[in-house]
Amino acid sequence: MASVIKGLLNEHLGDLMRMNKRNQLGQLLNFFMVIGSALMLWKGLILYTGSESPIVVVL
């Protein structure tokens, strides 16, 4: 299992290294936009519900 994950990671890093700088920057900005959107949604739910933990996951 670990070798499969390592292989996929190496493949994706290789793809990233073959991109030019503009595409790399675009990928980085897209990543931060996804993270920022998730954080804004989380903070919005905190304000809307008035709770520190608006979403509870039960396993």
PDB file of N, CA and C in Angstrom:
ATOM      1  N   MET A   1       0.828  -1.195   0.000  1.00  0.00           N
ATOM      2  CA  MET A   1       0.000   0.000   0.000  1.00  0.00           C
ATOM      3  C   MET A   1       0.869   1.255   0.000  1.00  0.00           C
ATOM      4  N   ALA A   2       1.906   1.269   0.837  1.00  0.00           N
ATOM      5  CA  ALA A   2       2.775   2.441   0.914  1.00  0.00           C
ATOM      6  C   ALA A   2       3.516   2.662  -0.400  1.00  0.00           C
ATOM      7  N   SER A   3       3.882   1.575  -1.075  1.00  0.00           N
ATOM      8  CA  SER A   3       4.600   1.731  -2.341  1.00  0.00           C
ATOM      9  C   SER A   3       3.690   2.320  -3.418  1.00  0.00           C
ATOM     10  N   VAL A   4       2.410   1.983  -3.368  1.00  0.00           N
ATOM     11  CA  VAL A   4       1.449   2.538  -4.330  1.00  0.00           C
ATOM     12  C   VAL A   4       1.304   4.037  -4.100  1.00  0.00           C
ATOM     13  N   ILE A   5       1.167   4.428  -2.840  1.00  0.00           N
ATOM     14  CA  ILE A   5       1.035   5.852  -2.508  1.00  0.00           C
ATOM     15  C   ILE A   5       2.297   6.602  -2.891  1.00  0.00           C
ATOM     16  N   LYS A   6       3.452   5.999  -2.608  1.00  0.00           N
ATOM     17  CA  LYS A   6       4.725   6.639  -2.956  1.00  0.00           C
ATOM     18  C   LYS A   6       4.850   6.804  -4.473  1.00  0.00           C
ATOM     19  N   GLY A   7       4.423   5.794  -5.226  1.00  0.00           N
ATOM     20  CA  GLY A   7       4.469   5.877  -6.680  1.00  0.00           C
ATOM     21  C   GLY A   7       3.563   6.971  -7.223  1.00  0.00           C
ATOM     22  N   LEU A   8       2.354   7.074  -6.679  1.00  0.00           N
ATOM     23  CA  LEU A   8       1.431   8.125  -7.113  1.00  0.00           C
ATOM     24  C   LEU A   8       1.967   9.508  -6.778  1.00  0.00           C
ATOM     25  N   LEU A   9       2.541   9.639  -5.581  1.00  0.00           N
ATOM     26  CA  LEU A   9       3.108  10.923  -5.177  1.00  0.00           C
ATOM     27  C   LEU A   9       4.259  11.319  -6.092  1.00  0.00           C
ATOM     28  N   ASN A  10       5.138  10.378  -6.405  1.00  0.00           N
ATOM     29  CA  ASN A  10       6.256  10.669  -7.307  1.00  0.00           C
ATOM     30  C   ASN A  10       5.761  11.051  -8.699  1.00  0.00           C
ATOM     31  N   GLU A  11       4.700  10.388  -9.155  1.00  0.00           N
ATOM     32  CA  GLU A  11       4.140  10.706 -10.469  1.00  0.00           C
ATOM     33  C   GLU A  11       3.589  12.130 -10.501  1.00  0.00           C
ATOM     34  N   HIS A  12       2.849  12.507  -9.467  1.00  0.00           N
ATOM     35  CA  HIS A  12       2.263  13.851  -9.423  1.00  0.00           C
ATOM     36  C   HIS A  12       3.341  14.919  -9.246  1.00  0.00           C
ATOM     37  N   LEU A  13       4.348  14.633  -8.434  1.00  0.00           N
ATOM     38  CA  LEU A  13       5.435  15.600  -8.280  1.00  0.00           C
ATOM     39  C   LEU A  13       6.208  15.759  -9.581  1.00  0.00           C
ATOM     40  N   GLY A  14       6.377  14.665 -10.315  1.00  0.00           N
ATOM     41  CA  GLY A  14       7.037  14.743 -11.616  1.00  0.00           C
ATOM     42  C   GLY A  14       6.251  15.607 -12.588  1.00  0.00           C
ATOM     43  N   ASP A  15       4.925  15.441 -12.590  1.00  0.00           N
ATOM     44  CA  ASP A  15       4.075  16.278 -13.444  1.00  0.00           C
ATOM     45  C   ASP A  15       4.201  17.747 -13.062  1.00  0.00           C
ATOM     46  N   LEU A  16       4.231  18.011 -11.765  1.00  0.00           N
ATOM     47  CA  LEU A  16       4.345  19.389 -11.289  1.00  0.00           C
ATOM     48  C   LEU A  16       5.686  20.001 -11.692  1.00  0.00           C
ATOM     49  N   MET A  17       6.752  19.221 -11.633  1.00  0.00           N
ATOM     50  CA  MET A  17       8.079  19.742 -11.978  1.00  0.00           C
ATOM     51  C   MET A  17       8.217  19.989 -13.482  1.00  0.00           C
ATOM     52  N   ARG A  18       7.444  19.261 -14.298  1.00  0.00           N
ATOM     53  CA  ARG A  18       7.508  19.466 -15.750  1.00  0.00           C
ATOM     54  C   ARG A  18       6.719  20.689 -16.204  1.00  0.00           C
ATOM     55  N   MET A  19       5.874  21.236 -15.336  1.00  0.00           N
ATOM     56  CA  MET A  19       5.093  22.426 -15.695  1.00  0.00           C
ATOM     57  C   MET A  19       5.986  23.663 -15.706  1.00  0.00           C
ATOM     58  N   ASN A  20       5.574  24.663 -16.487  1.00  0.00           N
ATOM     59  CA  ASN A  20       6.307  25.919 -16.431  1.00  0.00           C
ATOM     60  C   ASN A  20       5.884  26.691 -15.181  1.00  0.00           C
ATOM     61  N   LYS A  21       6.585  27.765 -14.902  1.00  0.00           N
ATOM     62  CA  LYS A  21       6.364  28.515 -13.655  1.00  0.00           C
ATOM     63  C   LYS A  21       4.945  29.073 -13.554  1.00  0.00           C
ATOM     64  N   ARG A  22       4.391  29.515 -14.667  1.00  0.00           N
ATOM     65  CA  ARG A  22       3.042  30.090 -14.641  1.00  0.00           C
ATOM     66  C   ARG A  22       2.006  29.028 -14.260  1.00  0.00           C
ATOM     67  N   ASN A  23       2.134  27.834 -14.818  1.00  0.00           N
ATOM     68  CA  ASN A  23       1.202  26.759 -14.471  1.00  0.00           C
ATOM     69  C   ASN A  23       1.388  26.306 -13.026  1.00  0.00           C
ATOM     70  N   GLN A  24       2.636  26.275 -12.551  1.00  0.00           N
ATOM     71  CA  GLN A  24       2.885  25.920 -11.154  1.00  0.00           C
ATOM     72  C   GLN A  24       2.217  26.925 -10.223  1.00  0.00           C
ATOM     73  N   LEU A  25       2.349  28.209 -10.547  1.00  0.00           N
ATOM     74  CA  LEU A  25       1.726  29.248  -9.733  1.00  0.00           C
ATOM     75  C   LEU A  25       0.203  29.116  -9.759  1.00  0.00           C
ATOM     76  N   GLY A  26      -0.347  28.793 -10.916  1.00  0.00           N
ATOM     77  CA  GLY A  26      -1.788  28.585 -11.026  1.00  0.00           C
ATOM     78  C   GLY A  26      -2.262  27.421 -10.169  1.00  0.00           C
ATOM     79  N   GLN A  27      -1.509  26.336 -10.169  1.00  0.00           N
ATOM     80  CA  GLN A  27      -1.859  25.185  -9.336  1.00  0.00           C
ATOM     81  C   GLN A  27      -1.796  25.541  -7.856  1.00  0.00           C
ATOM     82  N   LEU A  28      -0.777  26.293  -7.473  1.00  0.00           N
ATOM     83  CA  LEU A  28      -0.629  26.704  -6.076  1.00  0.00           C
ATOM     84  C   LEU A  28      -1.775  27.622  -5.653  1.00  0.00           C
ATOM     85  N   LEU A  29      -2.133  28.568  -6.509  1.00  0.00           N
ATOM     86  CA  LEU A  29      -3.245  29.467  -6.202  1.00  0.00           C
ATOM     87  C   LEU A  29      -4.569  28.709  -6.108  1.00  0.00           C
ATOM     88  N   ASN A  30      -4.783  27.743  -6.991  1.00  0.00           N
ATOM     89  CA  ASN A  30      -5.998  26.929  -6.919  1.00  0.00           C
ATOM     90  C   ASN A  30      -6.062  26.152  -5.613  1.00  0.00           C
ATOM     91  N   PHE A  31      -4.936  25.610  -5.183  1.00  0.00           N
ATOM     92  CA  PHE A  31      -4.887  24.866  -3.922  1.00  0.00           C
ATOM     93  C   PHE A  31      -5.267  25.767  -2.754  1.00  0.00           C
ATOM     94  N   PHE A  32      -4.677  26.971  -2.706  1.00  0.00           N
ATOM     95  CA  PHE A  32      -4.975  27.887  -1.611  1.00  0.00           C
ATOM     96  C   PHE A  32      -6.409  28.414  -1.679  1.00  0.00           C
ATOM     97  N   MET A  33      -6.976  28.521  -2.875  1.00  0.00           N
ATOM     98  CA  MET A  33      -8.377  28.931  -2.995  1.00  0.00           C
ATOM     99  C   MET A  33      -9.306  27.867  -2.409  1.00  0.00           C
ATOM    100  N   VAL A  34      -8.996  26.605  -2.630  1.00  0.00           N
ATOM    101  CA  VAL A  34      -9.808  25.523  -2.062  1.00  0.00           C
ATOM    102  C   VAL A  34      -9.716  25.542  -0.542  1.00  0.00           C
ATOM    103  N   ILE A  35      -8.496  25.683  -0.011  1.00  0.00           N
ATOM    104  CA  ILE A  35      -8.305  25.728   1.439  1.00  0.00           C
ATOM    105  C   ILE A  35      -9.005  26.957   2.022  1.00  0.00           C
ATOM    106  N   GLY A  36      -8.842  28.105   1.384  1.00  0.00           N
ATOM    107  CA  GLY A  36      -9.474  29.334   1.865  1.00  0.00           C
ATOM    108  C   GLY A  36     -10.991  29.254   1.837  1.00  0.00           C
ATOM    109  N   SER A  37     -11.544  28.660   0.782  1.00  0.00           N
ATOM    110  CA  SER A  37     -13.001  28.508   0.693  1.00  0.00           C
ATOM    111  C   SER A  37     -13.527  27.609   1.803  1.00  0.00           C
ATOM    112  N   ALA A  38     -12.815  26.531   2.085  1.00  0.00           N
ATOM    113  CA  ALA A  38     -13.243  25.626   3.156  1.00  0.00           C
ATOM    114  C   ALA A  38     -13.196  26.332   4.505  1.00  0.00           C
ATOM    115  N   LEU A  39     -12.156  27.126   4.741  1.00  0.00           N
ATOM    116  CA  LEU A  39     -12.059  27.853   6.011  1.00  0.00           C
ATOM    117  C   LEU A  39     -13.150  28.907   6.139  1.00  0.00           C
ATOM    118  N   MET A  40     -13.448  29.612   5.041  1.00  0.00           N
ATOM    119  CA  MET A  40     -14.517  30.611   5.096  1.00  0.00           C
ATOM    120  C   MET A  40     -15.870  29.957   5.351  1.00  0.00           C
ATOM    121  N   LEU A  41     -16.117  28.818   4.726  1.00  0.00           N
ATOM    122  CA  LEU A  41     -17.360  28.090   4.964  1.00  0.00           C
ATOM    123  C   LEU A  41     -17.448  27.647   6.420  1.00  0.00           C
ATOM    124  N   TRP A  42     -16.351  27.129   6.961  1.00  0.00           N
ATOM    125  CA  TRP A  42     -16.312  26.693   8.356  1.00  0.00           C
ATOM    126  C   TRP A  42     -16.586  27.866   9.297  1.00  0.00           C
ATOM    127  N   LYS A  43     -15.911  28.992   9.073  1.00  0.00           N
ATOM    128  CA  LYS A  43     -16.119  30.163   9.937  1.00  0.00           C
ATOM    129  C   LYS A  43     -17.540  30.704   9.793  1.00  0.00           C
ATOM    130  N   GLY A  44     -18.092  30.655   8.596  1.00  0.00           N
ATOM    131  CA  GLY A  44     -19.473  31.080   8.400  1.00  0.00           C
ATOM    132  C   GLY A  44     -20.445  30.199   9.167  1.00  0.00           C
ATOM    133  N   LEU A  45     -20.196  28.895   9.155  1.00  0.00           N
ATOM    134  CA  LEU A  45     -21.041  27.983   9.924  1.00  0.00           C
ATOM    135  C   LEU A  45     -20.905  28.230  11.423  1.00  0.00           C
ATOM    136  N   ILE A  46     -19.701  28.567  11.874  1.00  0.00           N
ATOM    137  CA  ILE A  46     -19.498  28.887  13.291  1.00  0.00           C
ATOM    138  C   ILE A  46     -20.325  30.107  13.670  1.00  0.00           C
ATOM    139  N   LEU A  47     -20.297  31.141  12.831  1.00  0.00           N
ATOM    140  CA  LEU A  47     -21.074  32.347  13.121  1.00  0.00           C
ATOM    141  C   LEU A  47     -22.576  32.082  13.048  1.00  0.00           C
ATOM    142  N   TYR A  48     -23.002  31.308  12.061  1.00  0.00           N
ATOM    143  CA  TYR A  48     -24.426  31.040  11.865  1.00  0.00           C
ATOM    144  C   TYR A  48     -25.011  30.195  12.994  1.00  0.00           C
ATOM    145  N   THR A  49     -24.260  29.160  13.417  1.00  0.00           N
ATOM    146  CA  THR A  49     -24.784  28.259  14.446  1.00  0.00           C
ATOM    147  C   THR A  49     -24.466  28.729  15.856  1.00  0.00           C
ATOM    148  N   GLY A  50     -23.484  29.610  16.010  1.00  0.00           N
ATOM    149  CA  GLY A  50     -23.083  30.057  17.337  1.00  0.00           C
ATOM    150  C   GLY A  50     -22.362  28.981  18.123  1.00  0.00           C
ATOM    151  N   SER A  51     -21.779  28.041  17.430  1.00  0.00           N
ATOM    152  CA  SER A  51     -21.090  26.925  18.074  1.00  0.00           C
ATOM    153  C   SER A  51     -19.644  26.884  17.603  1.00  0.00           C
ATOM    154  N   GLU A  52     -18.735  26.434  18.476  1.00  0.00           N
ATOM    155  CA  GLU A  52     -17.332  26.316  18.071  1.00  0.00           C
ATOM    156  C   GLU A  52     -17.126  25.184  17.081  1.00  0.00           C
ATOM    157  N   SER A  53     -17.965  24.186  17.155  1.00  0.00           N
ATOM    158  CA  SER A  53     -17.844  23.022  16.288  1.00  0.00           C
ATOM    159  C   SER A  53     -19.196  22.755  15.622  1.00  0.00           C
ATOM    160  N   PRO A  54     -19.480  23.442  14.499  1.00  0.00           N
ATOM    161  CA  PRO A  54     -20.809  23.340  13.894  1.00  0.00           C
ATOM    162  C   PRO A  54     -21.093  21.994  13.223  1.00  0.00           C
ATOM    163  N   ILE A  55     -20.048  21.251  12.899  1.00  0.00           N
ATOM    164  CA  ILE A  55     -20.239  19.963  12.238  1.00  0.00           C
ATOM    165  C   ILE A  55     -19.610  18.887  13.112  1.00  0.00           C
ATOM    166  N   VAL A  56     -20.402  17.880  13.445  1.00  0.00           N
ATOM    167  CA  VAL A  56     -19.909  16.773  14.259  1.00  0.00           C
ATOM    168  C   VAL A  56     -19.960  15.514  13.412  1.00  0.00           C
ATOM    169  N   VAL A  57     -18.840  14.815  13.344  1.00  0.00           N
ATOM    170  CA  VAL A  57     -18.766  13.568  12.589  1.00  0.00           C
ATOM    171  C   VAL A  57     -18.833  12.420  13.582  1.00  0.00           C
ATOM    172  N   VAL A  58     -19.798  11.537  13.394  1.00  0.00           N
ATOM    173  CA  VAL A  58     -19.956  10.377  14.265  1.00  0.00           C
ATOM    174  C   VAL A  58     -19.539   9.143  13.481  1.00  0.00           C
ATOM    175  N   LEU A  59     -18.574   8.445  14.019  1.00  0.00           N
ATOM    176  CA  LEU A  59     -18.101   7.226  13.348  1.00  0.00           C
ATOM    177  C   LEU A  59     -18.814   6.017  13.886  1.00  0.00           C
TER     178      LEU A  59
END
